């Protein structure tokens, strides 16, 4: 599941034109930390997922493809 969500994050990031570094800066985390989220190497909590959804101007449901 983590890899699936990570892939969705990558797709959304690319569609919105952000780099990993830009998203990481907005989240106040290291670029490598955000990269691990996209690769599914680390768990993502709901609060962080909400922050990312806000950056991409979408919903959590859209990020995890529930719509």
PDB file of N, CA and C in Angstrom:
ATOM      1  N   UNK A   1       0.821  -1.202   0.000  1.00  0.00           N
ATOM      2  CA  UNK A   1       0.000   0.000   0.000  1.00  0.00           C
ATOM      3  C   UNK A   1       0.862   1.261   0.000  1.00  0.00           C
ATOM      4  N   UNK A   2       1.971   1.251   0.760  1.00  0.00           N
ATOM      5  CA  UNK A   2       2.834   2.429   0.797  1.00  0.00           C
ATOM      6  C   UNK A   2       3.385   2.776  -0.574  1.00  0.00           C
ATOM      7  N   UNK A   3       3.787   1.753  -1.332  1.00  0.00           N
ATOM      8  CA  UNK A   3       4.329   2.012  -2.664  1.00  0.00           C
ATOM      9  C   UNK A   3       3.248   2.574  -3.583  1.00  0.00           C
ATOM     10  N   UNK A   4       2.027   2.085  -3.434  1.00  0.00           N
ATOM     11  CA  UNK A   4       0.922   2.590  -4.242  1.00  0.00           C
ATOM     12  C   UNK A   4       0.671   4.067  -3.937  1.00  0.00           C
ATOM     13  N   UNK A   5       0.598   4.417  -2.664  1.00  0.00           N
ATOM     14  CA  UNK A   5       0.373   5.815  -2.290  1.00  0.00           C
ATOM     15  C   UNK A   5       1.551   6.662  -2.743  1.00  0.00           C
ATOM     16  N   UNK A   6       2.756   6.142  -2.584  1.00  0.00           N
ATOM     17  CA  UNK A   6       3.941   6.861  -3.041  1.00  0.00           C
ATOM     18  C   UNK A   6       3.889   7.154  -4.527  1.00  0.00           C
ATOM     19  N   UNK A   7       3.454   6.195  -5.300  1.00  0.00           N
ATOM     20  CA  UNK A   7       3.333   6.398  -6.749  1.00  0.00           C
ATOM     21  C   UNK A   7       2.287   7.474  -7.054  1.00  0.00           C
ATOM     22  N   UNK A   8       1.194   7.458  -6.312  1.00  0.00           N
ATOM     23  CA  UNK A   8       0.162   8.488  -6.486  1.00  0.00           C
ATOM     24  C   UNK A   8       0.722   9.869  -6.137  1.00  0.00           C
ATOM     25  N   UNK A   9       1.544   9.945  -5.081  1.00  0.00           N
ATOM     26  CA  UNK A   9       2.163  11.218  -4.720  1.00  0.00           C
ATOM     27  C   UNK A   9       3.065  11.714  -5.845  1.00  0.00           C
ATOM     28  N   UNK A  10       3.850  10.810  -6.408  1.00  0.00           N
ATOM     29  CA  UNK A  10       4.745  11.195  -7.504  1.00  0.00           C
ATOM     30  C   UNK A  10       3.964  11.716  -8.700  1.00  0.00           C
ATOM     31  N   UNK A  11       2.905  11.003  -9.057  1.00  0.00           N
ATOM     32  CA  UNK A  11       2.090  11.416 -10.206  1.00  0.00           C
ATOM     33  C   UNK A  11       1.485  12.792  -9.965  1.00  0.00           C
ATOM     34  N   UNK A  12       0.890  12.991  -8.793  1.00  0.00           N
ATOM     35  CA  UNK A  12       0.281  14.291  -8.476  1.00  0.00           C
ATOM     36  C   UNK A  12       1.326  15.403  -8.470  1.00  0.00           C
ATOM     37  N   UNK A  13       2.497  15.099  -7.897  1.00  0.00           N
ATOM     38  CA  UNK A  13       3.563  16.105  -7.855  1.00  0.00           C
ATOM     39  C   UNK A  13       3.968  16.512  -9.264  1.00  0.00           C
ATOM     40  N   UNK A  14       4.149  15.530 -10.127  1.00  0.00           N
ATOM     41  CA  UNK A  14       4.545  15.832 -11.500  1.00  0.00           C
ATOM     42  C   UNK A  14       3.450  16.593 -12.245  1.00  0.00           C
ATOM     43  N   UNK A  15       2.193  16.236 -11.998  1.00  0.00           N
ATOM     44  CA  UNK A  15       1.082  16.934 -12.658  1.00  0.00           C
ATOM     45  C   UNK A  15       0.976  18.389 -12.217  1.00  0.00           C
ATOM     46  N   UNK A  16       1.354  18.660 -10.968  1.00  0.00           N
ATOM     47  CA  UNK A  16       1.280  20.030 -10.465  1.00  0.00           C
ATOM     48  C   UNK A  16       2.549  20.825 -10.754  1.00  0.00           C
ATOM     49  N   UNK A  17       3.576  20.150 -11.281  1.00  0.00           N
ATOM     50  CA  UNK A  17       4.795  20.846 -11.685  1.00  0.00           C
ATOM     51  C   UNK A  17       5.793  21.102 -10.572  1.00  0.00           C
ATOM     52  N   UNK A  18       5.595  20.479  -9.425  1.00  0.00           N
ATOM     53  CA  UNK A  18       6.525  20.644  -8.312  1.00  0.00           C
ATOM     54  C   UNK A  18       7.687  19.663  -8.431  1.00  0.00           C
ATOM     55  N   UNK A  19       8.827  20.054  -7.884  1.00  0.00           N
ATOM     56  CA  UNK A  19       9.939  19.129  -7.713  1.00  0.00           C
ATOM     57  C   UNK A  19       9.826  18.518  -6.320  1.00  0.00           C
ATOM     58  N   UNK A  20      10.549  17.431  -6.092  1.00  0.00           N
ATOM     59  CA  UNK A  20      10.565  16.845  -4.751  1.00  0.00           C
ATOM     60  C   UNK A  20      11.092  17.867  -3.745  1.00  0.00           C
ATOM     61  N   UNK A  21      12.084  18.630  -4.140  1.00  0.00           N
ATOM     62  CA  UNK A  21      12.662  19.626  -3.242  1.00  0.00           C
ATOM     63  C   UNK A  21      11.633  20.680  -2.844  1.00  0.00           C
ATOM     64  N   UNK A  22      10.821  21.137  -3.800  1.00  0.00           N
ATOM     65  CA  UNK A  22       9.805  22.147  -3.493  1.00  0.00           C
ATOM     66  C   UNK A  22       8.763  21.616  -2.511  1.00  0.00           C
ATOM     67  N   UNK A  23       8.314  20.385  -2.737  1.00  0.00           N
ATOM     68  CA  UNK A  23       7.325  19.795  -1.826  1.00  0.00           C
ATOM     69  C   UNK A  23       7.941  19.600  -0.443  1.00  0.00           C
ATOM     70  N   UNK A  24       9.164  19.103  -0.408  1.00  0.00           N
ATOM     71  CA  UNK A  24       9.849  18.900   0.870  1.00  0.00           C
ATOM     72  C   UNK A  24       9.971  20.221   1.626  1.00  0.00           C
ATOM     73  N   UNK A  25      10.313  21.298   0.917  1.00  0.00           N
ATOM     74  CA  UNK A  25      10.421  22.609   1.561  1.00  0.00           C
ATOM     75  C   UNK A  25       9.089  23.040   2.166  1.00  0.00           C
ATOM     76  N   UNK A  26       8.006  22.824   1.439  1.00  0.00           N
ATOM     77  CA  UNK A  26       6.681  23.201   1.934  1.00  0.00           C
ATOM     78  C   UNK A  26       6.288  22.379   3.158  1.00  0.00           C
ATOM     79  N   UNK A  27       6.790  21.148   3.229  1.00  0.00           N
ATOM     80  CA  UNK A  27       6.493  20.267   4.366  1.00  0.00           C
ATOM     81  C   UNK A  27       7.499  20.434   5.505  1.00  0.00           C
ATOM     82  N   UNK A  28       8.532  21.228   5.262  1.00  0.00           N
ATOM     83  CA  UNK A  28       9.615  21.412   6.237  1.00  0.00           C
ATOM     84  C   UNK A  28      10.313  20.099   6.579  1.00  0.00           C
ATOM     85  N   UNK A  29      10.582  19.305   5.552  1.00  0.00           N
ATOM     86  CA  UNK A  29      11.334  18.063   5.714  1.00  0.00           C
ATOM     87  C   UNK A  29      12.464  18.046   4.685  1.00  0.00           C
ATOM     88  N   UNK A  30      13.408  17.152   4.866  1.00  0.00           N
ATOM     89  CA  UNK A  30      14.495  16.994   3.901  1.00  0.00           C
ATOM     90  C   UNK A  30      13.948  16.406   2.601  1.00  0.00           C
ATOM     91  N   UNK A  31      14.586  16.751   1.504  1.00  0.00           N
ATOM     92  CA  UNK A  31      14.184  16.200   0.206  1.00  0.00           C
ATOM     93  C   UNK A  31      14.245  14.674   0.241  1.00  0.00           C
ATOM     94  N   UNK A  32      15.261  14.128   0.901  1.00  0.00           N
ATOM     95  CA  UNK A  32      15.388  12.666   0.981  1.00  0.00           C
ATOM     96  C   UNK A  32      14.215  12.043   1.741  1.00  0.00           C
ATOM     97  N   UNK A  33      13.708  12.747   2.734  1.00  0.00           N
ATOM     98  CA  UNK A  33      12.553  12.247   3.498  1.00  0.00           C
ATOM     99  C   UNK A  33      11.323  12.186   2.599  1.00  0.00           C
ATOM    100  N   UNK A  34      11.091  13.250   1.835  1.00  0.00           N
ATOM    101  CA  UNK A  34       9.942  13.231   0.923  1.00  0.00           C
ATOM    102  C   UNK A  34      10.129  12.153  -0.146  1.00  0.00           C
ATOM    103  N   UNK A  35      11.350  12.002  -0.640  1.00  0.00           N
ATOM    104  CA  UNK A  35      11.626  10.962  -1.636  1.00  0.00           C
ATOM    105  C   UNK A  35      11.277   9.577  -1.116  1.00  0.00           C
ATOM    106  N   UNK A  36      11.545   9.329   0.158  1.00  0.00           N
ATOM    107  CA  UNK A  36      11.193   8.038   0.759  1.00  0.00           C
ATOM    108  C   UNK A  36       9.685   7.828   0.777  1.00  0.00           C
ATOM    109  N   UNK A  37       8.927   8.900   0.973  1.00  0.00           N
ATOM    110  CA  UNK A  37       7.465   8.786   0.926  1.00  0.00           C
ATOM    111  C   UNK A  37       7.018   8.351  -0.468  1.00  0.00           C
ATOM    112  N   UNK A  38       7.589   8.993  -1.489  1.00  0.00           N
ATOM    113  CA  UNK A  38       7.206   8.650  -2.867  1.00  0.00           C
ATOM    114  C   UNK A  38       7.612   7.229  -3.246  1.00  0.00           C
ATOM    115  N   UNK A  39       8.705   6.756  -2.691  1.00  0.00           N
ATOM    116  CA  UNK A  39       9.168   5.398  -3.002  1.00  0.00           C
ATOM    117  C   UNK A  39       8.501   4.343  -2.119  1.00  0.00           C
ATOM    118  N   UNK A  40       7.678   4.767  -1.172  1.00  0.00           N
ATOM    119  CA  UNK A  40       6.993   3.831  -0.288  1.00  0.00           C
ATOM    120  C   UNK A  40       7.910   3.204   0.736  1.00  0.00           C
ATOM    121  N   UNK A  41       9.017   3.879   1.035  1.00  0.00           N
ATOM    122  CA  UNK A  41       9.991   3.338   1.984  1.00  0.00           C
ATOM    123  C   UNK A  41       9.683   3.722   3.423  1.00  0.00           C
ATOM    124  N   UNK A  42       8.739   4.599   3.619  1.00  0.00           N
ATOM    125  CA  UNK A  42       8.371   5.016   4.972  1.00  0.00           C
ATOM    126  C   UNK A  42       6.859   5.205   5.038  1.00  0.00           C
ATOM    127  N   UNK A  43       6.318   5.007   6.220  1.00  0.00           N
ATOM    128  CA  UNK A  43       4.874   5.176   6.414  1.00  0.00           C
ATOM    129  C   UNK A  43       4.517   6.653   6.402  1.00  0.00           C
ATOM    130  N   UNK A  44       3.327   6.940   5.960  1.00  0.00           N
ATOM    131  CA  UNK A  44       2.846   8.316   5.947  1.00  0.00           C
ATOM    132  C   UNK A  44       1.603   8.394   6.826  1.00  0.00           C
ATOM    133  N   UNK A  45       1.610   9.346   7.755  1.00  0.00           N
ATOM    134  CA  UNK A  45       0.453   9.475   8.638  1.00  0.00           C
ATOM    135  C   UNK A  45      -0.599  10.387   7.999  1.00  0.00           C
ATOM    136  N   UNK A  46      -1.775  10.353   8.549  1.00  0.00           N
ATOM    137  CA  UNK A  46      -2.907  11.087   7.974  1.00  0.00           C
ATOM    138  C   UNK A  46      -2.654  12.594   7.968  1.00  0.00           C
ATOM    139  N   UNK A  47      -2.031  13.096   9.020  1.00  0.00           N
ATOM    140  CA  UNK A  47      -1.759  14.537   9.081  1.00  0.00           C
ATOM    141  C   UNK A  47      -0.840  14.965   7.957  1.00  0.00           C
ATOM    142  N   UNK A  48       0.212  14.177   7.711  1.00  0.00           N
ATOM    143  CA  UNK A  48       1.156  14.498   6.633  1.00  0.00           C
ATOM    144  C   UNK A  48       0.468  14.361   5.273  1.00  0.00           C
ATOM    145  N   UNK A  49      -0.369  13.351   5.136  1.00  0.00           N
ATOM    146  CA  UNK A  49      -1.097  13.166   3.882  1.00  0.00           C
ATOM    147  C   UNK A  49      -2.006  14.359   3.608  1.00  0.00           C
ATOM    148  N   UNK A  50      -2.631  14.892   4.653  1.00  0.00           N
ATOM    149  CA  UNK A  50      -3.486  16.081   4.507  1.00  0.00           C
ATOM    150  C   UNK A  50      -2.653  17.281   4.073  1.00  0.00           C
ATOM    151  N   UNK A  51      -1.471  17.453   4.652  1.00  0.00           N
ATOM    152  CA  UNK A  51      -0.591  18.553   4.255  1.00  0.00           C
ATOM    153  C   UNK A  51      -0.228  18.455   2.768  1.00  0.00           C
ATOM    154  N   UNK A  52       0.088  17.247   2.326  1.00  0.00           N
ATOM    155  CA  UNK A  52       0.455  17.038   0.929  1.00  0.00           C
ATOM    156  C   UNK A  52      -0.742  17.296   0.027  1.00  0.00           C
ATOM    157  N   UNK A  53      -1.906  16.825   0.429  1.00  0.00           N
ATOM    158  CA  UNK A  53      -3.120  17.072  -0.358  1.00  0.00           C
ATOM    159  C   UNK A  53      -3.361  18.573  -0.504  1.00  0.00           C
ATOM    160  N   UNK A  54      -3.153  19.319   0.559  1.00  0.00           N
ATOM    161  CA  UNK A  54      -3.320  20.772   0.502  1.00  0.00           C
ATOM    162  C   UNK A  54      -2.326  21.404  -0.465  1.00  0.00           C
ATOM    163  N   UNK A  55      -1.084  20.954  -0.447  1.00  0.00           N
ATOM    164  CA  UNK A  55      -0.076  21.483  -1.370  1.00  0.00           C
ATOM    165  C   UNK A  55      -0.497  21.239  -2.811  1.00  0.00           C
ATOM    166  N   UNK A  56      -1.004  20.041  -3.093  1.00  0.00           N
ATOM    167  CA  UNK A  56      -1.409  19.688  -4.452  1.00  0.00           C
ATOM    168  C   UNK A  56      -2.828  20.144  -4.788  1.00  0.00           C
ATOM    169  N   UNK A  57      -3.464  20.819  -3.834  1.00  0.00           N
ATOM    170  CA  UNK A  57      -4.829  21.317  -3.998  1.00  0.00           C
ATOM    171  C   UNK A  57      -5.787  20.209  -4.422  1.00  0.00           C
ATOM    172  N   UNK A  58      -5.751  19.135  -3.656  1.00  0.00           N
ATOM    173  CA  UNK A  58      -6.608  17.987  -3.911  1.00  0.00           C
ATOM    174  C   UNK A  58      -7.051  17.401  -2.570  1.00  0.00           C
ATOM    175  N   UNK A  59      -7.749  16.291  -2.605  1.00  0.00           N
ATOM    176  CA  UNK A  59      -8.217  15.642  -1.381  1.00  0.00           C
ATOM    177  C   UNK A  59      -7.362  14.420  -1.067  1.00  0.00           C
ATOM    178  N   UNK A  60      -7.431  13.997   0.182  1.00  0.00           N
ATOM    179  CA  UNK A  60      -6.751  12.759   0.550  1.00  0.00           C
ATOM    180  C   UNK A  60      -7.323  11.605  -0.274  1.00  0.00           C
ATOM    181  N   UNK A  61      -8.622  11.573  -0.448  1.00  0.00           N
ATOM    182  CA  UNK A  61      -9.265  10.517  -1.219  1.00  0.00           C
ATOM    183  C   UNK A  61      -8.702  10.443  -2.637  1.00  0.00           C
ATOM    184  N   UNK A  62      -8.457  11.609  -3.242  1.00  0.00           N
ATOM    185  CA  UNK A  62      -7.890  11.630  -4.587  1.00  0.00           C
ATOM    186  C   UNK A  62      -6.448  11.106  -4.571  1.00  0.00           C
ATOM    187  N   UNK A  63      -5.696  11.482  -3.554  1.00  0.00           N
ATOM    188  CA  UNK A  63      -4.311  11.025  -3.462  1.00  0.00           C
ATOM    189  C   UNK A  63      -4.214   9.501  -3.353  1.00  0.00           C
ATOM    190  N   UNK A  64      -5.163   8.902  -2.640  1.00  0.00           N
ATOM    191  CA  UNK A  64      -5.124   7.445  -2.503  1.00  0.00           C
ATOM    192  C   UNK A  64      -6.110   6.757  -3.429  1.00  0.00           C
ATOM    193  N   UNK A  65      -6.666   7.535  -4.361  1.00  0.00           N
ATOM    194  CA  UNK A  65      -7.510   7.018  -5.447  1.00  0.00           C
ATOM    195  C   UNK A  65      -8.779   6.342  -4.945  1.00  0.00           C
ATOM    196  N   UNK A  66      -9.487   7.020  -4.036  1.00  0.00           N
ATOM    197  CA  UNK A  66     -10.760   6.490  -3.544  1.00  0.00           C
ATOM    198  C   UNK A  66     -11.959   7.106  -4.253  1.00  0.00           C
ATOM    199  N   UNK A  67     -11.739   8.114  -5.054  1.00  0.00           N
ATOM    200  CA  UNK A  67     -12.871   8.778  -5.726  1.00  0.00           C
ATOM    201  C   UNK A  67     -13.201   8.087  -7.019  1.00  0.00           C
TER     202      UNK A  67
END
